[in-house]
Structures are given as C-alpha cells and as structure tokens.
C-alpha cells in the first residue's frame, strides 16, 4: 500500500517539475532567446580587407571611408587597416 502511495507522489512530483520546466523554457524563448535561424534567408557576407576573413554583415564593424564602405571582423583589423591608409605624419 505504501509503495503505491509513494509511486503516485513521485509521478505527481515529476509532472509538476516538468510543467515548471516547460513554462520557464517558454518564457526564456519569448523574452530573450535568439530567434531560430532561417536557412531560407541567409545573411550577406562581407570581406575584411585587413585579414581577408568573410563574415556575416550583422557581425561586422562598419567604417564609411572615401574609398567606400569597409567592413572589419575586429577593432584590431580596423585600426591596422586605417593606420595603413593614414600613416602618422612627422
């Protein structure tokens, strides 16, 4: 008899924990989770002129220069490239 009562309590506890987990996971998805990536709308790739890396446009640092719009993968690449374009004057 006690075994059956314990089994029922364990099943109820499991169902309550599962419901709590599902509601927390749903709240994370709604509030701050990343949207699922869609393969039907790929993101445009841009080229970093300093290191040659191709990266998604949304991840690139953008610089508007007289040569046109330039895209960089990092601040280090951006600074190195711009230093070559505009060498310090003595």
Protein backbone atom coordinates (compact mmCIF):
# COMPACT_ATOMS: atom_id res chain seq x y z
CA UNK A 1 0.00 0.00 0.00
CA UNK A 2 2.77 2.47 0.94
CA UNK A 3 4.58 1.60 -2.25
CA UNK A 4 1.59 2.64 -4.35
CA UNK A 5 1.21 5.94 -2.46
CA UNK A 6 4.92 6.69 -2.91
CA UNK A 7 4.72 5.88 -6.61
CA UNK A 8 1.74 8.20 -7.09
CA UNK A 9 3.53 11.02 -5.22
CA UNK A 10 6.66 10.57 -7.33
CA UNK A 11 4.62 10.70 -10.55
CA UNK A 12 2.80 13.86 -9.38
CA UNK A 13 6.10 15.49 -8.42
CA UNK A 14 7.60 14.59 -11.78
CA UNK A 15 4.62 16.08 -13.67
CA UNK A 16 4.78 19.29 -11.63
CA UNK A 17 8.51 19.67 -12.26
CA UNK A 18 8.03 19.03 -15.98
CA UNK A 19 5.30 21.68 -16.17
CA UNK A 20 7.56 24.16 -14.33
CA UNK A 21 10.47 23.40 -16.67
CA UNK A 22 8.30 23.83 -19.79
CA UNK A 23 6.92 27.17 -18.59
CA UNK A 24 10.41 28.50 -17.75
CA UNK A 25 11.81 27.38 -21.09
CA UNK A 26 8.90 29.05 -22.90
CA UNK A 27 9.44 32.32 -21.02
CA UNK A 28 13.13 32.36 -21.96
CA UNK A 29 12.30 31.80 -25.62
CA UNK A 30 9.68 34.57 -25.63
CA UNK A 31 11.64 37.22 -23.72
CA UNK A 32 15.28 36.97 -24.63
CA UNK A 33 16.08 33.90 -26.58
CA UNK A 34 17.58 34.11 -30.01
CA UNK A 35 15.19 33.65 -32.90
CA UNK A 36 15.68 30.46 -34.87
CA UNK A 37 17.99 30.88 -37.82
CA UNK A 38 16.20 30.58 -41.11
CA UNK A 39 18.00 28.82 -43.93
CA UNK A 40 15.68 30.47 -46.46
CA UNK A 41 17.06 33.95 -45.68
CA UNK A 42 20.85 33.69 -45.38
CA UNK A 43 22.75 36.73 -44.19
CA UNK A 44 25.03 38.56 -46.63
CA UNK A 45 28.76 38.02 -46.17
CA UNK A 46 31.26 40.87 -46.22
CA UNK A 47 35.04 40.84 -46.65
CA UNK A 48 37.54 42.21 -44.13
CA UNK A 49 40.27 43.92 -46.23
CA UNK A 50 42.89 43.56 -43.49
CA UNK A 51 42.82 39.85 -42.68
CA UNK A 52 40.74 38.54 -45.59
CA UNK A 53 38.03 36.99 -43.41
CA UNK A 54 34.47 36.72 -44.72
CA UNK A 55 31.85 37.28 -42.03
CA UNK A 56 28.10 37.99 -41.77
CA UNK A 57 27.20 41.63 -42.31
CA UNK A 58 25.44 41.80 -38.93
CA UNK A 59 28.67 40.83 -37.10
CA UNK A 60 30.97 43.25 -38.93
CA UNK A 61 32.30 46.63 -37.79
CA UNK A 62 31.40 49.18 -40.46
CA UNK A 63 33.57 52.14 -41.47
CA UNK A 64 32.46 54.72 -44.01
CA UNK A 65 35.57 55.91 -45.86
CA UNK A 66 36.23 57.90 -49.04
CA UNK A 67 37.05 54.56 -50.68
CA UNK A 68 33.57 53.32 -49.81
CA UNK A 69 32.09 51.26 -47.01
CA UNK A 70 34.59 48.98 -45.32
CA UNK A 71 33.79 46.02 -43.07
CA UNK A 72 36.05 44.54 -40.40
CA UNK A 73 35.92 41.48 -38.16
CA UNK A 74 37.50 43.24 -35.16
CA UNK A 75 38.74 46.56 -33.84
CA UNK A 76 42.31 45.35 -34.27
CA UNK A 77 41.85 44.74 -38.00
CA UNK A 78 40.03 48.05 -38.40
CA UNK A 79 42.75 50.02 -36.62
CA UNK A 80 45.57 48.28 -38.50
CA UNK A 81 43.94 48.91 -41.89
CA UNK A 82 43.14 52.56 -41.14
CA UNK A 83 46.71 53.10 -39.88
CA UNK A 84 47.99 51.91 -43.28
CA UNK A 85 45.63 54.29 -45.09
CA UNK A 86 46.53 57.28 -42.92
CA UNK A 87 50.15 56.93 -41.76
CA UNK A 88 51.14 59.28 -38.91
CA UNK A 89 52.80 62.50 -40.05
CA UNK A 90 56.13 63.55 -38.63
